[in-house]
Amino acid sequence: MARTVIKGGAVLTLDPSAPFHADGAVVIDGDRIAWTGPASELVPEPGDRIVDASRKVVMPGLVNLHYHVDLGRATGEFTAESDRRPMWDTLFDDWYPFIGQLRPDEVYWASMACYAEAIRFGNTSVNDMYVQTEARARAAGGVGIRATLSNEIATPETGIDTIQDNIDAFKAAHGTQNGLVKVAFGIEWLPCASDAILSDVRAAATELGAGIHIHLNEAMSEVENSLARFGKRPTELAYELGFLGPDVVAAHCVHLDDREIQMVAETGAHISHNPASNSFLGNGVARMNDFRAAGINVGMGTDASFMQDMFEAMRWSTYLHRATAADISVRSSYEALEMATVNGSKALGQDTGTLAAGMLADLILLDVDQMKFAMMDATDFGSVASFVTNHANGNDVASTMVAGEFVMLNGELTRVDEHEIKANLRSSMAAAFSRA
């Protein structure tokens, strides 16, 4: 198979040994990166497919560590009236009844639309918790995105998923779609879970070698509910049950106390920071600066309808915590870039997040031939990194590659027909709404 050679652009590798090449090249052989370095040192081979990256920044694809197939906009969840409702009311009164009655074809088309949008915005991986996992796996394979998929396990009164649903999904979909899909276990959150569910999910995940994805300490209502039911805070309960570990991604973690932060750090669990979601819902500001001090690996997610653009999330995760601390030095933009790539990859156990030999070829090309990038010094590492994190957005992504294949090239999705997706999404959602 011929190699793909991307050359002529500013290559932001995020590899500590060589983080930047001003006029660089990336060589892809199959689904892996074979070489990165200065274009002047490239050794061409007959049959190489050359991709011109001049006036582009080449960088690792973004890893969206906490994601939901997004029907919030479709259901009108965030209209002027509903966006003033507490999250608890929205979830139990509207969200769980709606997603619990969705059919596989409806989730398939919703997933096709969401994953296509994710690719357009430079996401090469999503850690997606939702219902109908097999349908989502087919959609991920169709669009060509790398996806870790988990069910929304909850107590029976919610009408959503059980542990057995997630076990069945693992057996049916894990490792499918040419290896793009992994299946993890997903627990919705403590108000619709129990100590038995935590223990049983831990046992099943350990037996199957699967990861775990959970909302944890997202809202004070969750903490208060846990104290009333169990006499323990959510993360305290999870810790004492042996639930936490390096295979766990805990989303939000807004209301961790000092002991809980140490519990997450001690067990090697990972946190997905979702600053826009936390702010939109009025849940508060997570203690990011304390997470870092404790040595916790923190990635980044967009969550649901609140924001689809990981570049915007990078800025939230920087500026918000500078403002909270009233200290510009507590967070750097480059740290946010690492959260969106390196740290998310580590949390999911993926060979992604940096452009280096042996890593999976998941990368994006940003179009920097625009006025807002005119002052960027494309020969300077600091300038390029700063412009990417402080000025770029999802609409600047020109091309997206996953596993060595361009799933979007020069602004065009290569695997799917967007008009077909939109038409089928509208008809399937109309059917879902008619039953709701």
Protein backbone atom coordinates (compact mmCIF):
# COMPACT_ATOMS: atom_id res chain seq x y z
CA MET A 1 0.00 0.00 0.00
CA ALA A 2 1.31 3.44 -0.92
CA ARG A 3 2.28 5.81 1.85
CA THR A 4 0.53 9.13 2.42
CA VAL A 5 2.93 12.02 2.89
CA ILE A 6 1.62 15.28 4.31
CA LYS A 7 4.22 17.99 3.79
CA GLY A 8 4.78 21.70 3.59
CA GLY A 9 2.84 22.85 6.63
CA ALA A 10 3.57 23.80 10.21
CA VAL A 11 3.46 20.47 12.06
CA LEU A 12 2.42 20.67 15.70
CA THR A 13 3.26 17.16 16.91
CA LEU A 14 2.77 17.57 20.70
CA ASP A 15 5.52 14.95 20.98
CA PRO A 16 7.76 16.17 23.84
CA SER A 17 10.91 15.05 22.03
CA ALA A 18 10.14 17.19 18.96
CA PRO A 19 6.92 19.17 19.45
CA PHE A 20 7.09 21.31 16.31
CA HIS A 21 8.42 21.41 12.75
CA ALA A 22 8.02 24.75 10.97
CA ASP A 23 8.18 23.18 7.50
CA GLY A 24 7.37 19.63 8.41
CA ALA A 25 6.23 16.33 7.02
CA VAL A 26 4.18 13.43 8.34
CA VAL A 27 4.45 10.03 6.70
CA ILE A 28 1.53 7.63 7.13
CA ASP A 29 1.85 3.94 6.33
CA GLY A 30 -1.42 2.07 6.70
CA ASP A 31 -3.20 3.28 9.84
CA ARG A 32 -0.02 4.39 11.64
CA ILE A 33 2.44 7.25 11.47
CA ALA A 34 5.77 6.05 10.11
CA TRP A 35 7.78 9.24 10.48
CA THR A 36 7.56 12.94 11.32
CA GLY A 37 10.23 15.57 10.92
CA PRO A 38 11.46 18.48 8.83
CA ALA A 39 10.34 18.23 5.21
CA SER A 40 13.98 18.69 4.18
CA GLU A 41 14.82 15.33 5.81
CA LEU A 42 11.97 13.40 4.18
CA VAL A 43 13.11 10.35 2.22
CA PRO A 44 10.53 9.85 -0.55
CA GLU A 45 9.53 6.46 -1.89
CA PRO A 46 8.04 5.58 -5.27
CA GLY A 47 4.26 5.73 -5.17
CA ASP A 48 4.00 8.14 -2.25
CA ARG A 49 0.72 10.04 -2.20
CA ILE A 50 1.68 13.65 -1.54
CA VAL A 51 -0.73 15.94 0.32
CA ASP A 52 0.21 19.61 0.15
CA ALA A 53 -0.16 21.18 3.60
CA SER A 54 1.18 24.60 2.74
CA ARG A 55 -0.75 27.34 4.57
CA LYS A 56 -1.99 24.65 6.96
CA VAL A 57 -1.25 23.59 10.52
CA VAL A 58 -1.03 19.82 10.89
CA MET A 59 -1.82 18.60 14.40
CA PRO A 60 -3.23 15.62 16.31
CA GLY A 61 -6.96 15.04 16.08
CA LEU A 62 -9.05 16.14 19.04
CA VAL A 63 -10.23 13.60 21.61
CA ASN A 64 -13.66 14.50 22.96
CA LEU A 65 -13.54 12.75 26.32
CA HIS A 66 -17.17 13.33 27.35
CA TYR A 67 -19.73 13.33 24.58
CA HIS A 68 -23.35 12.49 24.02
CA VAL A 69 -25.05 11.98 20.69
CA ASP A 70 -26.78 15.34 20.68
CA LEU A 71 -30.55 15.44 20.50
CA GLY A 72 -30.87 18.36 22.88
CA ARG A 73 -31.26 20.83 20.05
CA ALA A 74 -33.71 18.56 18.23
CA THR A 75 -35.95 18.07 21.25
CA GLY A 76 -36.09 21.77 22.06
CA GLU A 77 -34.49 20.99 25.42
CA PHE A 78 -32.81 24.35 25.55
CA THR A 79 -35.56 26.76 24.57
CA ALA A 80 -35.96 30.05 26.40
CA GLU A 81 -38.31 28.42 28.89
CA SER A 82 -36.51 25.11 29.44
CA ASP A 83 -33.01 26.51 29.84
CA ARG A 84 -34.11 27.99 33.17
CA ARG A 85 -35.14 24.62 34.56
CA PRO A 86 -32.84 22.76 36.94
CA MET A 87 -30.90 19.93 35.32
CA TRP A 88 -32.54 17.40 37.65
CA ASP A 89 -36.05 18.29 36.39
CA THR A 90 -35.02 18.29 32.75
CA LEU A 91 -33.39 14.86 32.99
CA PHE A 92 -36.09 13.02 34.93
CA ASP A 93 -39.13 14.73 33.42
CA ASP A 94 -38.06 14.98 29.78
CA TRP A 95 -34.70 13.48 28.86
CA TYR A 96 -34.90 9.93 30.20
CA PRO A 97 -38.46 9.28 28.93
CA PHE A 98 -37.46 10.56 25.49
CA ILE A 99 -34.21 8.65 24.97
CA GLY A 100 -35.65 5.51 26.56
CA GLN A 101 -38.21 5.15 23.77
CA LEU A 102 -35.84 5.80 20.85
CA ARG A 103 -35.50 3.08 18.23
CA PRO A 104 -32.25 1.86 16.67
CA ASP A 105 -32.79 3.55 13.30
CA GLU A 106 -33.53 6.87 15.00
CA VAL A 107 -30.35 6.70 17.07
CA TYR A 108 -28.40 5.60 13.98
CA TRP A 109 -29.31 8.71 11.99
CA ALA A 110 -28.83 11.00 14.99
CA SER A 111 -25.39 9.45 15.49
CA MET A 112 -24.50 9.82 11.82
CA ALA A 113 -25.32 13.53 12.04
CA CYS A 114 -23.48 14.08 15.32
CA TYR A 115 -20.38 12.14 14.32
CA ALA A 116 -20.25 13.89 10.95
CA GLU A 117 -20.36 17.24 12.75
CA ALA A 118 -17.67 16.03 15.16
CA ILE A 119 -15.38 15.16 12.26
CA ARG A 120 -16.03 18.54 10.68
CA PHE A 121 -14.88 20.16 13.93
CA GLY A 122 -11.66 18.14 14.12
CA ASN A 123 -12.70 15.40 16.54
CA THR A 124 -11.08 12.12 15.59
CA SER A 125 -12.26 10.34 18.78
CA VAL A 126 -15.39 10.60 20.90
CA ASN A 127 -16.14 9.00 24.26
CA ASP A 128 -19.89 8.77 23.75
CA MET A 129 -22.45 7.71 26.36
CA TYR A 130 -25.96 7.13 25.02
CA VAL A 131 -28.54 4.44 24.25
CA GLN A 132 -28.68 1.91 21.36
CA THR A 133 -24.96 1.21 21.28
CA GLU A 134 -25.02 -1.16 18.30
CA ALA A 135 -26.70 1.51 16.15
CA ARG A 136 -24.09 4.06 17.22
CA ALA A 137 -21.31 1.61 16.39
CA ARG A 138 -22.61 1.26 12.83
CA ALA A 139 -22.80 5.03 12.53
CA ALA A 140 -19.25 5.49 13.80
CA GLY A 141 -18.00 2.98 11.27
CA GLY A 142 -20.00 4.62 8.50
CA VAL A 143 -18.67 8.11 9.16
CA GLY A 144 -15.19 6.85 10.07
CA ILE A 145 -14.73 8.27 13.55
CA ARG A 146 -12.94 6.49 16.40
CA ALA A 147 -15.53 5.94 19.13
CA THR A 148 -15.61 4.57 22.65
CA LEU A 149 -19.29 3.84 23.22
CA SER A 150 -21.02 3.22 26.52
CA ASN A 151 -24.62 2.67 27.50
CA GLU A 152 -26.53 4.84 29.97
CA ILE A 153 -27.00 2.34 32.80
CA ALA A 154 -29.57 3.49 35.34
CA THR A 155 -32.25 2.22 37.70
CA PRO A 156 -35.39 0.71 36.10
CA GLU A 157 -37.72 3.66 36.68
CA THR A 158 -35.75 5.76 34.17
CA GLY A 159 -36.59 3.36 31.35
CA ILE A 160 -33.09 3.50 29.88
CA ASP A 161 -30.29 0.91 29.98
CA THR A 162 -29.42 -2.01 32.23
CA ILE A 163 -26.09 -3.65 32.91
CA GLN A 164 -27.14 -6.56 30.71
CA ASP A 165 -27.82 -4.13 27.85
CA ASN A 166 -24.24 -2.92 28.14
CA ILE A 167 -22.84 -6.46 28.33
CA ASP A 168 -24.78 -7.40 25.20
CA ALA A 169 -23.51 -4.28 23.44
CA PHE A 170 -19.92 -5.12 24.37
CA LYS A 171 -20.24 -8.61 22.93
CA ALA A 172 -21.87 -7.33 19.75
CA ALA A 173 -19.91 -4.18 18.97
CA HIS A 174 -16.55 -4.07 20.79
CA GLY A 175 -13.68 -4.10 18.30
CA THR A 176 -15.96 -3.79 15.28
CA GLN A 177 -15.87 -1.31 12.39
CA ASN A 178 -12.27 -2.20 11.56
CA GLY A 179 -11.27 -1.56 15.14
CA LEU A 180 -12.65 1.96 15.31
CA VAL A 181 -15.22 1.05 17.97
CA LYS A 182 -14.58 0.13 21.59
CA VAL A 183 -17.39 -0.48 24.05
CA ALA A 184 -17.16 0.69 27.66
CA PHE A 185 -19.62 0.57 30.55
CA GLY A 186 -21.56 3.76 31.20
CA ILE A 187 -23.31 4.76 34.41
CA GLU A 188 -25.61 7.75 34.11
CA TRP A 189 -25.10 9.24 37.61
CA LEU A 190 -25.70 8.40 41.26
CA PRO A 191 -29.29 9.74 41.54
CA CYS A 192 -30.43 6.96 39.21
CA ALA A 193 -27.89 4.35 40.28
CA SER A 194 -27.13 2.39 43.44
CA ASP A 195 -24.21 0.87 45.27
CA ALA A 196 -25.17 -2.48 43.74
CA ILE A 197 -25.05 -1.02 40.21
CA LEU A 198 -21.60 0.45 40.87
CA SER A 199 -20.33 -2.89 42.20
CA ASP A 200 -21.86 -4.93 39.38
CA VAL A 201 -20.55 -2.61 36.68
CA ARG A 202 -17.07 -2.74 38.19
CA ALA A 203 -17.21 -6.55 38.19
CA ALA A 204 -18.45 -6.75 34.59
CA ALA A 205 -15.92 -4.21 33.30
CA THR A 206 -13.05 -6.00 35.02
CA GLU A 207 -14.13 -9.38 33.67
CA LEU A 208 -14.47 -8.11 30.10
CA GLY A 209 -11.49 -5.76 30.17
CA ALA A 210 -13.70 -2.76 29.36
CA GLY A 211 -13.47 0.86 30.43
CA ILE A 212 -16.04 2.75 32.50
CA HIS A 213 -17.62 6.16 31.83
CA ILE A 214 -19.63 7.90 34.56
CA HIS A 215 -21.02 11.32 35.46
CA LEU A 216 -19.63 12.07 38.92
CA ASN A 217 -20.17 14.97 41.32
CA GLU A 218 -21.62 17.04 38.48
CA ALA A 219 -24.24 18.96 40.50
CA MET A 220 -24.78 19.73 44.17
CA SER A 221 -28.18 18.04 43.90
CA GLU A 222 -26.31 14.82 43.09
CA VAL A 223 -24.05 15.21 46.12
CA GLU A 224 -27.01 15.92 48.40
CA ASN A 225 -28.92 12.93 47.01
CA SER A 226 -25.95 10.64 47.62
CA LEU A 227 -25.50 11.87 51.18
CA ALA A 228 -29.19 11.32 51.90
CA ARG A 229 -29.30 7.81 50.39
CA PHE A 230 -25.86 6.42 51.24
CA GLY A 231 -24.45 8.73 53.88
CA LYS A 232 -21.50 9.33 51.55
CA ARG A 233 -20.58 11.73 48.78
CA PRO A 234 -20.64 10.18 45.26
CA THR A 235 -16.90 9.82 44.75
CA GLU A 236 -16.46 8.65 48.34
CA LEU A 237 -19.00 5.88 47.71
CA ALA A 238 -17.34 4.91 44.42
CA TYR A 239 -13.95 4.78 46.11
CA GLU A 240 -15.10 2.63 49.02
CA LEU A 241 -16.75 0.17 46.62
CA GLY A 242 -13.50 -0.21 44.64
CA PHE A 243 -15.17 1.30 41.60
CA LEU A 244 -12.52 3.88 40.71
CA GLY A 245 -9.41 2.97 38.75
CA PRO A 246 -7.27 3.80 35.71
CA ASP A 247 -9.99 2.43 33.43
CA VAL A 248 -12.54 5.00 34.67
CA VAL A 249 -13.37 8.32 33.01
CA ALA A 250 -15.31 10.48 35.47
CA ALA A 251 -17.11 13.34 33.75
CA HIS A 252 -17.53 16.80 35.28
CA CYS A 253 -16.34 16.31 38.90
CA VAL A 254 -17.42 19.88 39.66
CA HIS A 255 -18.07 19.28 43.36
CA LEU A 256 -15.17 17.15 44.54
CA ASP A 257 -13.97 17.93 48.04
CA ASP A 258 -10.33 17.61 49.07
CA ARG A 259 -10.66 13.96 50.08
CA GLU A 260 -12.40 13.03 46.86
CA ILE A 261 -9.70 14.71 44.78
CA GLN A 262 -7.14 12.55 46.56
CA MET A 263 -9.29 9.45 45.94
CA VAL A 264 -9.34 10.13 42.20
CA ALA A 265 -5.60 10.77 42.18
CA GLU A 266 -4.80 7.68 44.26
CA THR A 267 -6.78 5.32 42.03
CA GLY A 268 -5.52 6.74 38.73
CA ALA A 269 -9.01 7.57 37.48
CA HIS A 270 -9.27 10.23 34.79
CA ILE A 271 -11.46 13.33 34.71
CA SER A 272 -13.20 14.86 31.71
CA HIS A 273 -13.49 18.60 32.20
CA ASN A 274 -16.55 20.08 30.48
CA PRO A 275 -16.47 23.77 31.36
CA ALA A 276 -19.14 25.04 28.96
CA SER A 277 -21.66 22.43 30.07
CA ASN A 278 -20.94 23.05 33.73
CA SER A 279 -21.40 26.77 33.21
CA PHE A 280 -24.52 26.53 31.05
CA LEU A 281 -26.28 24.33 33.59
CA GLY A 282 -25.24 26.50 36.49
CA ASN A 283 -23.47 23.59 38.17
CA GLY A 284 -20.36 25.53 39.06
CA VAL A 285 -16.66 25.59 38.21
CA ALA A 286 -14.56 22.46 38.65
CA ARG A 287 -11.36 22.69 40.69
CA MET A 288 -9.04 22.29 37.72
CA ASN A 289 -6.06 23.92 39.39
CA ASP A 290 -6.37 21.50 42.33
CA PHE A 291 -6.76 18.53 39.97
CA ARG A 292 -3.48 19.42 38.33
CA ALA A 293 -1.76 19.87 41.70
CA ALA A 294 -2.93 16.38 42.70
CA GLY A 295 -1.49 14.86 39.51
CA ILE A 296 -4.82 13.79 38.01
CA ASN A 297 -4.96 13.23 34.25
CA VAL A 298 -7.65 15.61 32.96
CA GLY A 299 -9.03 15.54 29.43
CA MET A 300 -11.76 17.65 27.89
CA GLY A 301 -15.26 17.18 26.52
CA THR A 302 -18.12 19.15 25.02
CA ASP A 303 -20.94 17.10 26.62
CA ALA A 304 -24.24 17.57 24.76
CA SER A 305 -25.90 20.61 23.20
CA PHE A 306 -23.97 23.20 25.13
CA MET A 307 -21.03 23.36 22.74
CA GLN A 308 -19.83 21.22 19.86
CA ASP A 309 -16.50 22.95 19.30
CA MET A 310 -13.48 21.61 21.20
CA PHE A 311 -11.44 24.68 20.27
CA GLU A 312 -13.96 26.79 22.17
CA ALA A 313 -13.76 24.32 25.08
CA MET A 314 -9.99 24.85 25.16
CA ARG A 315 -10.50 28.53 25.76
CA TRP A 316 -13.12 27.95 28.46
CA SER A 317 -10.78 25.57 30.24
CA THR A 318 -8.08 28.23 30.28
CA TYR A 319 -9.83 31.55 30.80
CA LEU A 320 -12.41 30.35 33.33
CA HIS A 321 -9.78 29.10 35.75
CA ARG A 322 -7.56 32.13 35.34
CA ALA A 323 -10.57 34.24 36.28
CA THR A 324 -11.49 32.01 39.23
CA ALA A 325 -7.96 32.24 40.63
CA ALA A 326 -7.49 35.89 39.53
CA ASP A 327 -4.10 34.70 38.30
CA ILE A 328 -3.07 34.38 34.64
CA SER A 329 -0.25 31.98 35.53
CA VAL A 330 -2.43 29.13 36.81
CA ARG A 331 -3.44 27.85 33.37
CA SER A 332 -1.65 27.97 30.03
CA SER A 333 -3.24 27.65 26.61
CA TYR A 334 -0.81 24.86 25.74
CA GLU A 335 -2.10 22.84 28.71
CA ALA A 336 -5.59 23.11 27.22
CA LEU A 337 -4.28 21.84 23.89
CA GLU A 338 -2.74 18.83 25.66
CA MET A 339 -6.02 18.19 27.49
CA ALA A 340 -7.85 18.04 24.15
CA THR A 341 -5.37 15.61 22.61
CA VAL A 342 -2.71 13.90 24.73
CA ASN A 343 -4.67 13.63 27.98
CA GLY A 344 -7.88 12.41 26.38
CA SER A 345 -5.95 9.75 24.49
CA LYS A 346 -4.29 8.60 27.71
CA ALA A 347 -7.65 8.35 29.44
CA LEU A 348 -9.02 6.11 26.68
CA GLY A 349 -5.84 4.03 26.37
CA GLN A 350 -5.36 5.00 22.71
CA ASP A 351 -2.21 5.40 20.64
CA THR A 352 -3.36 8.87 19.58
CA GLY A 353 -2.87 12.45 20.70
CA THR A 354 0.64 13.03 19.32
CA LEU A 355 2.15 12.86 15.84
CA ALA A 356 5.04 10.44 16.30
CA ALA A 357 6.27 7.24 14.71
CA GLY A 358 4.15 4.26 15.73
CA MET A 359 1.11 6.29 16.76
CA LEU A 360 -2.25 5.90 15.05
CA ALA A 361 -2.66 8.31 12.15
CA ASP A 362 -5.47 10.43 13.62
CA LEU A 363 -4.81 14.04 12.67
CA ILE A 364 -6.29 17.24 11.33
CA LEU A 365 -5.25 20.04 9.01
CA LEU A 366 -6.25 23.60 9.94
CA ASP A 367 -6.63 26.24 7.24
CA VAL A 368 -4.56 29.19 8.46
CA ASP A 369 -4.70 31.10 5.16
CA GLN A 370 -7.14 33.52 6.79
CA MET A 371 -6.95 37.08 8.04
CA LYS A 372 -7.24 36.07 11.71
CA PHE A 373 -4.03 34.04 11.35
CA ALA A 374 -2.15 36.74 9.41
CA MET A 375 -0.08 37.70 12.46
CA MET A 376 0.85 34.11 13.29
CA ASP A 377 4.53 33.31 12.83
CA ALA A 378 4.33 29.87 11.23
CA THR A 379 8.01 29.28 11.96
CA ASP A 380 7.61 29.72 15.72
CA PHE A 381 6.27 26.94 17.95
CA GLY A 382 4.86 29.29 20.59
CA SER A 383 3.09 31.45 18.05
CA VAL A 384 1.47 28.50 16.27
CA ALA A 385 0.35 26.85 19.52
CA SER A 386 -1.06 30.12 20.80
CA PHE A 387 -3.02 30.85 17.63
CA VAL A 388 -4.43 27.32 17.53
CA THR A 389 -5.74 27.48 21.09
CA ASN A 390 -6.75 31.15 21.22
CA HIS A 391 -8.01 31.89 17.71
CA ALA A 392 -8.92 28.70 15.84
CA ASN A 393 -12.36 27.14 15.84
CA GLY A 394 -13.96 24.04 14.41
CA ASN A 395 -14.83 25.74 11.14
CA ASP A 396 -11.10 26.17 10.42
CA VAL A 397 -10.63 22.39 10.07
CA ALA A 398 -9.97 21.66 6.41
CA SER A 399 -9.27 17.93 6.58
CA THR A 400 -9.63 15.17 9.15
CA MET A 401 -7.80 11.83 9.05
CA VAL A 402 -8.68 8.79 11.17
CA ALA A 403 -6.59 5.60 11.06
CA GLY A 404 -4.72 6.82 8.00
CA GLU A 405 -7.84 7.66 5.98
CA PHE A 406 -9.09 11.14 5.18
CA VAL A 407 -12.68 11.03 6.38
CA MET A 408 -12.91 14.72 5.48
CA LEU A 409 -10.71 16.19 2.76
CA ASN A 410 -10.71 19.86 1.85
CA GLY A 411 -14.02 20.40 3.61
CA GLU A 412 -15.83 17.43 2.07
CA LEU A 413 -16.81 14.33 4.03
CA THR A 414 -15.51 11.36 2.05
CA ARG A 415 -17.58 8.46 3.38
CA VAL A 416 -21.10 9.77 3.67
CA ASP A 417 -23.69 11.90 1.89
CA GLU A 418 -24.59 14.77 4.21
CA HIS A 419 -27.86 15.46 2.38
CA GLU A 420 -28.94 11.86 2.94
CA ILE A 421 -28.06 12.10 6.63
CA LYS A 422 -30.04 15.29 7.10
CA ALA A 423 -33.09 13.96 5.26
CA ASN A 424 -33.16 10.71 7.23
CA LEU A 425 -32.52 12.52 10.50
CA ARG A 426 -35.54 14.77 9.97
CA SER A 427 -37.89 11.88 9.20
CA SER A 428 -36.63 9.67 12.02
CA MET A 429 -36.88 12.49 14.55
CA ALA A 430 -40.42 13.23 13.42
CA ALA A 431 -41.30 9.62 14.20
CA ALA A 432 -39.62 9.82 17.63
CA PHE A 433 -41.41 13.06 18.50
CA SER A 434 -44.79 11.62 17.48
CA ARG A 435 -44.40 8.89 20.11
CA ALA A 436 -43.04 11.22 22.79
